[in-house]
Amino acid sequence: MQKLLAALCLALLASTAAAQAPKPLKIGVATSGGTTLPALVISQQKLDEKHGFKIEWLRLDQAALQKAFALRQFDISFAEVASDLIRQRARGDKVKAFHHGIMANVYMLAKKDAPYRTIADLKGRKVGLYSLTSSSTAALVKVVRDKYKLDLRKDFELVVSPPPVLVGLLQKGDVEAMINVDPIVLRLLETGQYKQILDADGEWGSITGGSRLLVTTLAAWEDTMQKNPDDIRRLVRMYQEAVDYILRNPQVYVQTGFIKQSGMQETPEVVKLFEERFSKLYTGKWDQALINANKAVFDTAIEMGNLEKVPADWFTFDYSN
């Protein structure tokens, strides 16, 4: 009898330990930029373990990340560009956004002594741009048309190049201004030789009554969400806890090594810049108002030939409670 009781106790302990063991998950995230900071916080603060997971982060550059998610090399992405998700859903892939990621961190820069104050002043000039197919570009097409009565594609001489290449073009004077993203923009502003003349998120808010410009989402393959609804809800809570930590702790950019990863020095001035520019990226609200405000972005992308259609079911609010 004693041997039987001992065996039962051991079995019970083993099953309890198994039940308490963190669930392994693979999640895709970008190697740099705003989407990677919450992942750094989650790992450093062990928020994954707190919520019952052991996350293996698959870190890829944005283009490779989108391709890997489409090929289903992982089922969950914390950096899925909204327009790419919509394109993928429209062609029949059962993927869906279940929470917001970051808002736009897209800016226009010119040399400090240049005479330009707004994008309208650059009409007819060479402007560097990192993509003609991104949702941020579609938003800028609408902003430039509605606010400045200009056509971004016709009234400017656009030079399309990868973000790092644009820096060299601006430095050499091959373009008069460039549209680019942080932390690249921050590195140039820190030199004191450049000025910012446009903030895409701010400009979008100016024509939409203060709405935010959505760039990335948390997304998953639909069958994964349906089979593991509690996991998805816990992931949302975990992500939001990481965001809350970022908003409460300005030193997070130092603690996680995010500033050094961005190629900058951890001076008080730089820390302040990062806090001012990055914290706002995470303050969107995942609700119908955000979706409605960004519908115009996707409609413009259709007009530009970058999207064929926008499926009505590309997003869900089921897991954000």
C-alpha atoms as a PDB file:
ATOM      1  CA  MET A   1       0.000   0.000   0.000  1.00  0.00           C
ATOM      2  CA  GLN A   2       2.806   2.401   0.906  1.00  0.00           C
ATOM      3  CA  LYS A   3       4.513   1.729  -2.428  1.00  0.00           C
ATOM      4  CA  LEU A   4       1.242   2.392  -4.240  1.00  0.00           C
ATOM      5  CA  LEU A   5       0.720   5.672  -2.395  1.00  0.00           C
ATOM      6  CA  ALA A   6       4.299   6.722  -3.149  1.00  0.00           C
ATOM      7  CA  ALA A   7       3.821   5.928  -6.814  1.00  0.00           C
ATOM      8  CA  LEU A   8       0.578   7.910  -6.896  1.00  0.00           C
ATOM      9  CA  CYS A   9       2.273  10.884  -5.223  1.00  0.00           C
ATOM     10  CA  LEU A  10       5.107  10.820  -7.735  1.00  0.00           C
ATOM     11  CA  ALA A  11       2.650  10.633 -10.618  1.00  0.00           C
ATOM     12  CA  LEU A  12       0.679  13.543  -9.165  1.00  0.00           C
ATOM     13  CA  LEU A  13       3.825  15.621  -8.735  1.00  0.00           C
ATOM     14  CA  ALA A  14       4.916  14.867 -12.292  1.00  0.00           C
ATOM     15  CA  SER A  15       1.548  15.822 -13.750  1.00  0.00           C
ATOM     16  CA  THR A  16       1.456  19.045 -11.681  1.00  0.00           C
ATOM     17  CA  ALA A  17       4.959  19.979 -12.843  1.00  0.00           C
ATOM     18  CA  ALA A  18       3.974  19.289 -16.441  1.00  0.00           C
ATOM     19  CA  ALA A  19       0.862  21.414 -16.059  1.00  0.00           C
ATOM     20  CA  GLN A  20       2.926  24.284 -14.629  1.00  0.00           C
ATOM     21  CA  ALA A  21       5.711  24.083 -17.222  1.00  0.00           C
ATOM     22  CA  PRO A  22       5.728  27.112 -19.554  1.00  0.00           C
ATOM     23  CA  LYS A  23       4.264  26.422 -22.970  1.00  0.00           C
ATOM     24  CA  PRO A  24       6.858  26.848 -25.747  1.00  0.00           C
ATOM     25  CA  LEU A  25       5.868  29.264 -28.517  1.00  0.00           C
ATOM     26  CA  LYS A  26       7.603  30.592 -31.618  1.00  0.00           C
ATOM     27  CA  ILE A  27       6.774  34.213 -32.385  1.00  0.00           C
ATOM     28  CA  GLY A  28       8.124  36.317 -35.227  1.00  0.00           C
ATOM     29  CA  VAL A  29       9.424  39.834 -34.580  1.00  0.00           C
ATOM     30  CA  ALA A  30      11.536  42.336 -36.515  1.00  0.00           C
ATOM     31  CA  THR A  31      15.246  42.656 -35.766  1.00  0.00           C
ATOM     32  CA  SER A  32      15.059  46.434 -35.358  1.00  0.00           C
ATOM     33  CA  GLY A  33      12.642  49.320 -35.041  1.00  0.00           C
ATOM     34  CA  GLY A  34       9.665  49.901 -32.794  1.00  0.00           C
ATOM     35  CA  THR A  35       8.195  46.398 -32.957  1.00  0.00           C
ATOM     36  CA  THR A  36      11.250  44.820 -31.340  1.00  0.00           C
ATOM     37  CA  LEU A  37      11.154  46.807 -28.072  1.00  0.00           C
ATOM     38  CA  PRO A  38       8.148  45.024 -26.493  1.00  0.00           C
ATOM     39  CA  ALA A  39       9.820  41.694 -27.299  1.00  0.00           C
ATOM     40  CA  LEU A  40      12.988  42.837 -25.531  1.00  0.00           C
ATOM     41  CA  VAL A  41      10.952  43.857 -22.475  1.00  0.00           C
ATOM     42  CA  ILE A  42       9.035  40.574 -22.462  1.00  0.00           C
ATOM     43  CA  SER A  43      12.278  38.599 -22.451  1.00  0.00           C
ATOM     44  CA  GLN A  44      14.126  40.776 -19.941  1.00  0.00           C
ATOM     45  CA  GLN A  45      11.223  40.992 -17.495  1.00  0.00           C
ATOM     46  CA  LYS A  46      10.276  37.317 -18.058  1.00  0.00           C
ATOM     47  CA  LEU A  47       6.716  38.313 -18.855  1.00  0.00           C
ATOM     48  CA  ASP A  48       6.364  35.259 -21.074  1.00  0.00           C
ATOM     49  CA  GLU A  49       6.995  32.954 -18.112  1.00  0.00           C
ATOM     50  CA  LYS A  50       4.640  35.020 -15.954  1.00  0.00           C
ATOM     51  CA  HIS A  51       1.876  34.350 -18.466  1.00  0.00           C
ATOM     52  CA  GLY A  52       2.709  30.674 -18.900  1.00  0.00           C
ATOM     53  CA  PHE A  53       4.893  30.731 -22.013  1.00  0.00           C
ATOM     54  CA  LYS A  54       8.483  30.143 -23.018  1.00  0.00           C
ATOM     55  CA  ILE A  55       8.840  32.234 -26.156  1.00  0.00           C
ATOM     56  CA  GLU A  56      11.403  31.604 -28.845  1.00  0.00           C
ATOM     57  CA  TRP A  57      11.689  34.860 -30.782  1.00  0.00           C
ATOM     58  CA  LEU A  58      12.351  34.462 -34.497  1.00  0.00           C
ATOM     59  CA  ARG A  59      14.070  37.735 -35.340  1.00  0.00           C
ATOM     60  CA  LEU A  60      14.174  38.652 -39.040  1.00  0.00           C
ATOM     61  CA  ASP A  61      14.304  41.860 -41.056  1.00  0.00           C
ATOM     62  CA  GLN A  62      10.845  43.086 -41.982  1.00  0.00           C
ATOM     63  CA  ALA A  63      10.756  41.721 -45.539  1.00  0.00           C
ATOM     64  CA  ALA A  64      12.011  38.288 -44.485  1.00  0.00           C
ATOM     65  CA  LEU A  65       9.591  38.274 -41.553  1.00  0.00           C
ATOM     66  CA  GLN A  66       6.585  38.875 -43.808  1.00  0.00           C
ATOM     67  CA  LYS A  67       7.694  36.089 -46.147  1.00  0.00           C
ATOM     68  CA  ALA A  68       8.330  33.618 -43.319  1.00  0.00           C
ATOM     69  CA  PHE A  69       4.884  34.287 -41.806  1.00  0.00           C
ATOM     70  CA  ALA A  70       3.236  33.829 -45.208  1.00  0.00           C
ATOM     71  CA  LEU A  71       5.072  30.498 -45.599  1.00  0.00           C
ATOM     72  CA  ARG A  72       3.889  29.564 -42.104  1.00  0.00           C
ATOM     73  CA  GLN A  73       7.357  29.071 -40.682  1.00  0.00           C
ATOM     74  CA  PHE A  74       5.738  30.353 -37.485  1.00  0.00           C
ATOM     75  CA  ASP A  75       2.065  30.855 -36.599  1.00  0.00           C
ATOM     76  CA  ILE A  76       2.164  34.095 -34.609  1.00  0.00           C
ATOM     77  CA  SER A  77       3.743  37.433 -35.518  1.00  0.00           C
ATOM     78  CA  PHE A  78       4.237  40.463 -33.285  1.00  0.00           C
ATOM     79  CA  ALA A  79       5.243  42.623 -36.266  1.00  0.00           C
ATOM     80  CA  GLU A  80       2.807  41.889 -39.086  1.00  0.00           C
ATOM     81  CA  VAL A  81       2.402  44.948 -41.317  1.00  0.00           C
ATOM     82  CA  ALA A  82      -1.336  45.600 -41.614  1.00  0.00           C
ATOM     83  CA  SER A  83      -1.347  46.062 -45.391  1.00  0.00           C
ATOM     84  CA  ASP A  84       0.670  42.861 -45.914  1.00  0.00           C
ATOM     85  CA  LEU A  85      -1.745  40.957 -43.698  1.00  0.00           C
ATOM     86  CA  ILE A  86      -4.701  42.287 -45.685  1.00  0.00           C
ATOM     87  CA  ARG A  87      -3.002  41.324 -48.952  1.00  0.00           C
ATOM     88  CA  GLN A  88      -2.330  37.838 -47.605  1.00  0.00           C
ATOM     89  CA  ARG A  89      -5.908  37.441 -46.341  1.00  0.00           C
ATOM     90  CA  ALA A  90      -7.288  38.636 -49.685  1.00  0.00           C
ATOM     91  CA  ARG A  91      -5.436  35.898 -51.558  1.00  0.00           C
ATOM     92  CA  GLY A  92      -6.972  33.244 -49.339  1.00  0.00           C
ATOM     93  CA  ASP A  93      -4.558  32.718 -46.446  1.00  0.00           C
ATOM     94  CA  LYS A  94      -6.468  32.356 -43.168  1.00  0.00           C
ATOM     95  CA  VAL A  95      -4.509  34.945 -41.191  1.00  0.00           C
ATOM     96  CA  LYS A  96      -5.986  37.596 -38.959  1.00  0.00           C
ATOM     97  CA  ALA A  97      -4.895  40.517 -36.767  1.00  0.00           C
ATOM     98  CA  PHE A  98      -5.882  40.159 -33.099  1.00  0.00           C
ATOM     99  CA  HIS A  99      -4.277  43.305 -31.588  1.00  0.00           C
ATOM    100  CA  HIS A 100      -2.517  46.476 -32.638  1.00  0.00           C
ATOM    101  CA  GLY A 101       1.248  46.661 -32.903  1.00  0.00           C
ATOM    102  CA  ILE A 102       2.880  50.043 -33.472  1.00  0.00           C
ATOM    103  CA  MET A 103       1.625  53.260 -34.956  1.00  0.00           C
ATOM    104  CA  ALA A 104       3.593  55.029 -37.709  1.00  0.00           C
ATOM    105  CA  ASN A 105       7.177  56.128 -37.025  1.00  0.00           C
ATOM    106  CA  VAL A 106       7.686  57.659 -40.470  1.00  0.00           C
ATOM    107  CA  TYR A 107       9.187  61.127 -40.900  1.00  0.00           C
ATOM    108  CA  MET A 108      10.512  63.494 -43.566  1.00  0.00           C
ATOM    109  CA  LEU A 109      13.949  65.053 -43.082  1.00  0.00           C
ATOM    110  CA  ALA A 110      15.884  67.740 -44.912  1.00  0.00           C
ATOM    111  CA  LYS A 111      19.226  69.400 -44.262  1.00  0.00           C
ATOM    112  CA  LYS A 112      19.017  71.994 -41.513  1.00  0.00           C
ATOM    113  CA  ASP A 113      19.895  74.935 -43.759  1.00  0.00           C
ATOM    114  CA  ALA A 114      17.437  73.905 -46.526  1.00  0.00           C
ATOM    115  CA  PRO A 115      14.589  76.385 -47.132  1.00  0.00           C
ATOM    116  CA  TYR A 116      11.823  73.764 -46.830  1.00  0.00           C
ATOM    117  CA  ARG A 117       9.297  74.004 -43.997  1.00  0.00           C
ATOM    118  CA  THR A 118       6.612  71.573 -45.191  1.00  0.00           C
ATOM    119  CA  ILE A 119       6.382  68.856 -47.806  1.00  0.00           C
ATOM    120  CA  ALA A 120       4.563  71.292 -50.077  1.00  0.00           C
ATOM    121  CA  ASP A 121       7.752  73.364 -50.355  1.00  0.00           C
ATOM    122  CA  LEU A 122       9.407  70.383 -52.069  1.00  0.00           C
ATOM    123  CA  LYS A 123       7.074  70.336 -55.057  1.00  0.00           C
ATOM    124  CA  GLY A 124       9.081  69.442 -58.156  1.00  0.00           C
ATOM    125  CA  ARG A 125      12.108  68.400 -56.084  1.00  0.00           C
ATOM    126  CA  LYS A 126      13.802  65.038 -55.586  1.00  0.00           C
ATOM    127  CA  VAL A 127      12.473  63.264 -52.495  1.00  0.00           C
ATOM    128  CA  GLY A 128      13.810  59.947 -51.252  1.00  0.00           C
ATOM    129  CA  LEU A 129      11.239  57.316 -50.293  1.00  0.00           C
ATOM    130  CA  TYR A 130      11.786  53.790 -48.942  1.00  0.00           C
ATOM    131  CA  SER A 131       8.686  52.187 -50.497  1.00  0.00           C
ATOM    132  CA  LEU A 132       5.867  52.920 -52.926  1.00  0.00           C
ATOM    133  CA  THR A 133       3.783  50.004 -51.657  1.00  0.00           C
ATOM    134  CA  SER A 134       3.757  50.482 -47.872  1.00  0.00           C
ATOM    135  CA  SER A 135       0.615  51.548 -46.030  1.00  0.00           C
ATOM    136  CA  SER A 136       2.495  54.593 -44.715  1.00  0.00           C
ATOM    137  CA  THR A 137       3.095  55.722 -48.291  1.00  0.00           C
ATOM    138  CA  ALA A 138      -0.594  55.259 -49.081  1.00  0.00           C
ATOM    139  CA  ALA A 139      -1.404  57.406 -46.049  1.00  0.00           C
ATOM    140  CA  LEU A 140       1.028  60.089 -47.227  1.00  0.00           C
ATOM    141  CA  VAL A 141      -0.555  60.056 -50.695  1.00  0.00           C
ATOM    142  CA  LYS A 142      -3.885  60.886 -49.057  1.00  0.00           C
ATOM    143  CA  VAL A 143      -2.384  63.463 -46.664  1.00  0.00           C
ATOM    144  CA  VAL A 144      -0.551  65.280 -49.455  1.00  0.00           C
ATOM    145  CA  ARG A 145      -3.690  65.274 -51.618  1.00  0.00           C
ATOM    146  CA  ASP A 146      -6.198  66.301 -48.940  1.00  0.00           C
ATOM    147  CA  LYS A 147      -4.092  68.747 -46.932  1.00  0.00           C
ATOM    148  CA  TYR A 148      -1.637  70.168 -49.466  1.00  0.00           C
ATOM    149  CA  LYS A 149      -3.633  69.666 -52.701  1.00  0.00           C
ATOM    150  CA  LEU A 150      -0.704  67.885 -54.349  1.00  0.00           C
ATOM    151  CA  ASP A 151      -0.077  64.429 -55.816  1.00  0.00           C
ATOM    152  CA  LEU A 152       2.831  62.666 -54.103  1.00  0.00           C
ATOM    153  CA  ARG A 153       3.547  60.520 -57.163  1.00  0.00           C
ATOM    154  CA  LYS A 154       3.250  63.286 -59.789  1.00  0.00           C
ATOM    155  CA  ASP A 155       4.273  66.545 -58.104  1.00  0.00           C
ATOM    156  CA  PHE A 156       7.547  65.250 -56.665  1.00  0.00           C
ATOM    157  CA  GLU A 157      10.491  63.438 -58.235  1.00  0.00           C
ATOM    158  CA  LEU A 158      10.482  60.342 -56.062  1.00  0.00           C
ATOM    159  CA  VAL A 159      13.669  58.318 -55.629  1.00  0.00           C
ATOM    160  CA  VAL A 160      12.858  54.912 -54.158  1.00  0.00           C
ATOM    161  CA  SER A 161      15.676  53.185 -52.257  1.00  0.00           C
ATOM    162  CA  PRO A 162      16.127  51.103 -49.082  1.00  0.00           C
ATOM    163  CA  PRO A 163      16.157  53.155 -45.849  1.00  0.00           C
ATOM    164  CA  PRO A 164      19.960  53.039 -45.279  1.00  0.00           C
ATOM    165  CA  VAL A 165      20.663  54.047 -48.892  1.00  0.00           C
ATOM    166  CA  LEU A 166      18.405  57.090 -48.554  1.00  0.00           C
ATOM    167  CA  VAL A 167      20.696  58.456 -45.843  1.00  0.00           C
ATOM    168  CA  GLY A 168      23.640  58.556 -48.232  1.00  0.00           C
ATOM    169  CA  LEU A 169      21.537  60.179 -50.945  1.00  0.00           C
ATOM    170  CA  LEU A 170      20.466  62.942 -48.563  1.00  0.00           C
ATOM    171  CA  GLN A 171      23.986  63.472 -47.239  1.00  0.00           C
ATOM    172  CA  LYS A 172      25.394  63.810 -50.789  1.00  0.00           C
ATOM    173  CA  GLY A 173      22.593  66.109 -51.916  1.00  0.00           C
ATOM    174  CA  ASP A 174      21.227  63.630 -54.459  1.00  0.00           C
ATOM    175  CA  VAL A 175      17.791  64.192 -52.889  1.00  0.00           C
ATOM    176  CA  GLU A 176      16.508  67.348 -51.204  1.00  0.00           C
ATOM    177  CA  ALA A 177      14.650  65.420 -48.505  1.00  0.00           C
ATOM    178  CA  MET A 178      13.892  61.850 -47.532  1.00  0.00           C
ATOM    179  CA  ILE A 179      10.978  59.964 -45.994  1.00  0.00           C
ATOM    180  CA  ASN A 180      12.376  57.404 -43.572  1.00  0.00           C
ATOM    181  CA  VAL A 181      11.854  55.682 -40.219  1.00  0.00           C
ATOM    182  CA  ASP A 182      13.309  55.728 -36.727  1.00  0.00           C
ATOM    183  CA  PRO A 183      15.936  54.992 -35.500  1.00  0.00           C
ATOM    184  CA  ILE A 184      17.565  56.068 -38.796  1.00  0.00           C
ATOM    185  CA  VAL A 185      15.877  59.462 -38.549  1.00  0.00           C
ATOM    186  CA  LEU A 186      16.922  59.849 -34.920  1.00  0.00           C
ATOM    187  CA  ARG A 187      20.573  59.190 -35.744  1.00  0.00           C
ATOM    188  CA  LEU A 188      20.536  62.024 -38.268  1.00  0.00           C
ATOM    189  CA  LEU A 189      18.658  64.436 -36.016  1.00  0.00           C
ATOM    190  CA  GLU A 190      21.208  63.818 -33.265  1.00  0.00           C
ATOM    191  CA  THR A 191      23.965  65.240 -35.471  1.00  0.00           C
ATOM    192  CA  GLY A 192      22.251  68.644 -35.501  1.00  0.00           C
ATOM    193  CA  GLN A 193      22.665  68.872 -39.288  1.00  0.00           C
ATOM    194  CA  TYR A 194      19.107  67.920 -40.231  1.00  0.00           C
ATOM    195  CA  LYS A 195      15.557  68.987 -39.450  1.00  0.00           C
ATOM    196  CA  GLN A 196      12.252  67.155 -39.437  1.00  0.00           C
ATOM    197  CA  ILE A 197       9.536  68.632 -41.620  1.00  0.00           C
ATOM    198  CA  LEU A 198       6.879  65.908 -41.490  1.00  0.00           C
ATOM    199  CA  ASP A 199       5.551  63.305 -39.039  1.00  0.00           C
ATOM    200  CA  ALA A 200       3.271  60.812 -40.852  1.00  0.00           C
ATOM    201  CA  ASP A 201       1.294  59.879 -37.734  1.00  0.00           C
ATOM    202  CA  GLY A 202       0.782  63.522 -36.813  1.00  0.00           C
ATOM    203  CA  GLU A 203      -0.200  64.475 -40.371  1.00  0.00           C
ATOM    204  CA  TRP A 204      -2.675  61.585 -40.474  1.00  0.00           C
ATOM    205  CA  GLY A 205      -4.186  62.800 -37.231  1.00  0.00           C
ATOM    206  CA  SER A 206      -4.562  66.296 -38.690  1.00  0.00           C
ATOM    207  CA  ILE A 207      -6.876  65.061 -41.473  1.00  0.00           C
ATOM    208  CA  THR A 208      -8.751  62.443 -39.423  1.00  0.00           C
ATOM    209  CA  GLY A 209      -9.587  64.320 -36.254  1.00  0.00           C
ATOM    210  CA  GLY A 210      -6.721  62.904 -34.225  1.00  0.00           C
ATOM    211  CA  SER A 211      -6.820  59.249 -35.293  1.00  0.00           C
ATOM    212  CA  ARG A 212      -3.626  57.169 -35.282  1.00  0.00           C
ATOM    213  CA  LEU A 213      -1.899  55.704 -38.317  1.00  0.00           C
ATOM    214  CA  LEU A 214      -1.659  51.937 -37.829  1.00  0.00           C
ATOM    215  CA  VAL A 215       1.446  50.207 -39.195  1.00  0.00           C
ATOM    216  CA  THR A 216       1.807  46.760 -37.620  1.00  0.00           C
ATOM    217  CA  THR A 217      -0.428  44.273 -35.863  1.00  0.00           C
ATOM    218  CA  LEU A 218      -0.183  41.190 -33.705  1.00  0.00           C
ATOM    219  CA  ALA A 219      -1.437  38.461 -35.995  1.00  0.00           C
ATOM    220  CA  ALA A 220      -1.817  34.708 -36.224  1.00  0.00           C
ATOM    221  CA  TRP A 221      -3.072  31.954 -38.461  1.00  0.00           C
ATOM    222  CA  GLU A 222      -6.757  31.570 -37.777  1.00  0.00           C
ATOM    223  CA  ASP A 223      -6.748  27.873 -36.872  1.00  0.00           C
ATOM    224  CA  THR A 224      -4.072  28.572 -34.250  1.00  0.00           C
ATOM    225  CA  MET A 225      -6.309  31.198 -32.656  1.00  0.00           C
ATOM    226  CA  GLN A 226      -9.357  28.941 -32.755  1.00  0.00           C
ATOM    227  CA  LYS A 227      -7.508  26.006 -31.186  1.00  0.00           C
ATOM    228  CA  ASN A 228      -5.790  28.127 -28.521  1.00  0.00           C
ATOM    229  CA  PRO A 229      -8.068  31.082 -27.670  1.00  0.00           C
ATOM    230  CA  ASP A 230      -6.820  31.360 -24.077  1.00  0.00           C
ATOM    231  CA  ASP A 231      -3.207  31.490 -25.322  1.00  0.00           C
ATOM    232  CA  ILE A 232      -4.033  34.398 -27.624  1.00  0.00           C
ATOM    233  CA  ARG A 233      -5.763  36.277 -24.810  1.00  0.00           C
ATOM    234  CA  ARG A 234      -2.755  35.749 -22.545  1.00  0.00           C
ATOM    235  CA  LEU A 235      -0.438  36.945 -25.322  1.00  0.00           C
ATOM    236  CA  VAL A 236      -2.471  40.154 -25.602  1.00  0.00           C
ATOM    237  CA  ARG A 237      -2.260  40.682 -21.834  1.00  0.00           C
ATOM    238  CA  MET A 238       1.474  39.955 -21.905  1.00  0.00           C
ATOM    239  CA  TYR A 239       2.054  42.392 -24.774  1.00  0.00           C
ATOM    240  CA  GLN A 240       0.025  45.102 -23.076  1.00  0.00           C
ATOM    241  CA  GLU A 241       1.962  44.575 -19.854  1.00  0.00           C
ATOM    242  CA  ALA A 242       5.188  45.106 -21.817  1.00  0.00           C
ATOM    243  CA  VAL A 243       3.742  48.303 -23.328  1.00  0.00           C
ATOM    244  CA  ASP A 244       2.710  49.558 -19.889  1.00  0.00           C
ATOM    245  CA  TYR A 245       6.256  48.903 -18.673  1.00  0.00           C
ATOM    246  CA  ILE A 246       7.673  50.917 -21.590  1.00  0.00           C
ATOM    247  CA  LEU A 247       5.359  53.841 -20.852  1.00  0.00           C
ATOM    248  CA  ARG A 248       6.229  53.860 -17.130  1.00  0.00           C
ATOM    249  CA  ASN A 249      10.000  53.477 -17.473  1.00  0.00           C
ATOM    250  CA  PRO A 250      11.909  55.980 -19.642  1.00  0.00           C
ATOM    251  CA  GLN A 251      15.111  54.069 -18.857  1.00  0.00           C
ATOM    252  CA  VAL A 252      13.757  50.996 -20.668  1.00  0.00           C
ATOM    253  CA  TYR A 253      15.666  52.090 -23.773  1.00  0.00           C
ATOM    254  CA  VAL A 254      18.910  51.732 -21.824  1.00  0.00           C
ATOM    255  CA  GLN A 255      17.935  48.665 -19.778  1.00  0.00           C
ATOM    256  CA  THR A 256      17.066  46.606 -22.860  1.00  0.00           C
ATOM    257  CA  GLY A 257      20.043  47.791 -24.913  1.00  0.00           C
ATOM    258  CA  PHE A 258      17.601  49.239 -27.453  1.00  0.00           C
ATOM    259  CA  ILE A 259      19.544  52.484 -27.897  1.00  0.00           C
ATOM    260  CA  LYS A 260      22.840  50.663 -28.454  1.00  0.00           C
ATOM    261  CA  GLN A 261      21.143  48.285 -30.893  1.00  0.00           C
ATOM    262  CA  SER A 262      19.991  51.384 -32.762  1.00  0.00           C
ATOM    263  CA  GLY A 263      23.602  52.536 -33.126  1.00  0.00           C
ATOM    264  CA  MET A 264      23.442  55.471 -30.719  1.00  0.00           C
ATOM    265  CA  GLN A 265      25.044  56.495 -27.438  1.00  0.00           C
ATOM    266  CA  GLU A 266      23.073  56.301 -24.170  1.00  0.00           C
ATOM    267  CA  THR A 267      23.341  59.993 -23.279  1.00  0.00           C
ATOM    268  CA  PRO A 268      20.549  61.700 -21.290  1.00  0.00           C
ATOM    269  CA  GLU A 269      19.628  63.682 -24.411  1.00  0.00           C
ATOM    270  CA  VAL A 270      19.305  60.544 -26.529  1.00  0.00           C
ATOM    271  CA  VAL A 271      17.307  58.723 -23.856  1.00  0.00           C
ATOM    272  CA  LYS A 272      14.892  61.663 -23.784  1.00  0.00           C
ATOM    273  CA  LEU A 273      14.583  61.582 -27.581  1.00  0.00           C
ATOM    274  CA  PHE A 274      13.822  57.874 -27.584  1.00  0.00           C
ATOM    275  CA  GLU A 275      11.220  58.250 -24.855  1.00  0.00           C
ATOM    276  CA  GLU A 276       9.513  61.101 -26.712  1.00  0.00           C
ATOM    277  CA  ARG A 277       9.452  59.370 -30.084  1.00  0.00           C
ATOM    278  CA  PHE A 278       9.013  55.685 -29.308  1.00  0.00           C
ATOM    279  CA  SER A 279       6.603  55.665 -26.369  1.00  0.00           C
ATOM    280  CA  LYS A 280       3.814  57.135 -28.515  1.00  0.00           C
ATOM    281  CA  LEU A 281       4.099  54.275 -31.015  1.00  0.00           C
ATOM    282  CA  TYR A 282       2.448  51.885 -28.553  1.00  0.00           C
ATOM    283  CA  THR A 283      -0.486  54.023 -27.426  1.00  0.00           C
ATOM    284  CA  GLY A 284      -3.022  53.086 -30.071  1.00  0.00           C
ATOM    285  CA  LYS A 285      -6.329  51.533 -29.030  1.00  0.00           C
ATOM    286  CA  TRP A 286      -7.425  48.316 -30.731  1.00  0.00           C
ATOM    287  CA  ASP A 287     -11.043  49.119 -31.536  1.00  0.00           C
ATOM    288  CA  GLN A 288     -13.409  49.797 -34.410  1.00  0.00           C
ATOM    289  CA  ALA A 289     -12.509  53.493 -34.421  1.00  0.00           C
ATOM    290  CA  LEU A 290      -8.879  52.656 -35.269  1.00  0.00           C
ATOM    291  CA  ILE A 291      -9.990  50.287 -38.037  1.00  0.00           C
ATOM    292  CA  ASN A 292     -12.408  52.860 -39.456  1.00  0.00           C
ATOM    293  CA  ALA A 293      -9.803  55.637 -39.410  1.00  0.00           C
ATOM    294  CA  ASN A 294      -7.335  53.478 -41.344  1.00  0.00           C
ATOM    295  CA  LYS A 295      -9.855  52.308 -43.936  1.00  0.00           C
ATOM    296  CA  ALA A 296      -8.911  55.361 -46.000  1.00  0.00           C
ATOM    297  CA  VAL A 297      -5.290  54.143 -46.038  1.00  0.00           C
ATOM    298  CA  PHE A 298      -6.295  50.787 -47.491  1.00  0.00           C
ATOM    299  CA  ASP A 299      -8.732  52.403 -49.957  1.00  0.00           C
ATOM    300  CA  THR A 300      -5.882  54.606 -51.177  1.00  0.00           C
ATOM    301  CA  ALA A 301      -3.651  51.530 -51.477  1.00  0.00           C
ATOM    302  CA  ILE A 302      -6.325  49.940 -53.698  1.00  0.00           C
ATOM    303  CA  GLU A 303      -6.431  53.128 -55.784  1.00  0.00           C
ATOM    304  CA  MET A 304      -2.630  52.950 -56.139  1.00  0.00           C
ATOM    305  CA  GLY A 305      -2.784  49.300 -57.235  1.00  0.00           C
ATOM    306  CA  ASN A 306      -1.029  48.055 -54.088  1.00  0.00           C
ATOM    307  CA  LEU A 307      -4.052  46.128 -52.785  1.00  0.00           C
ATOM    308  CA  GLU A 308      -6.792  44.348 -54.684  1.00  0.00           C
ATOM    309  CA  LYS A 309      -9.404  44.403 -51.915  1.00  0.00           C
ATOM    310  CA  VAL A 310      -9.813  44.602 -48.154  1.00  0.00           C
ATOM    311  CA  PRO A 311     -11.556  41.544 -46.674  1.00  0.00           C
ATOM    312  CA  ALA A 312     -14.004  42.583 -43.970  1.00  0.00           C
ATOM    313  CA  ASP A 313     -12.709  39.863 -41.641  1.00  0.00           C
ATOM    314  CA  TRP A 314      -8.966  40.710 -41.625  1.00  0.00           C
ATOM    315  CA  PHE A 315      -9.140  41.626 -37.916  1.00  0.00           C
ATOM    316  CA  THR A 316     -10.827  40.482 -34.714  1.00  0.00           C
ATOM    317  CA  PHE A 317     -11.480  42.002 -31.284  1.00  0.00           C
ATOM    318  CA  ASP A 318     -12.334  38.627 -29.724  1.00  0.00           C
ATOM    319  CA  TYR A 319      -9.084  38.288 -27.807  1.00  0.00           C
ATOM    320  CA  SER A 320      -8.559  41.800 -26.476  1.00  0.00           C
ATOM    321  CA  ASN A 321     -10.869  41.590 -23.463  1.00  0.00           C
END
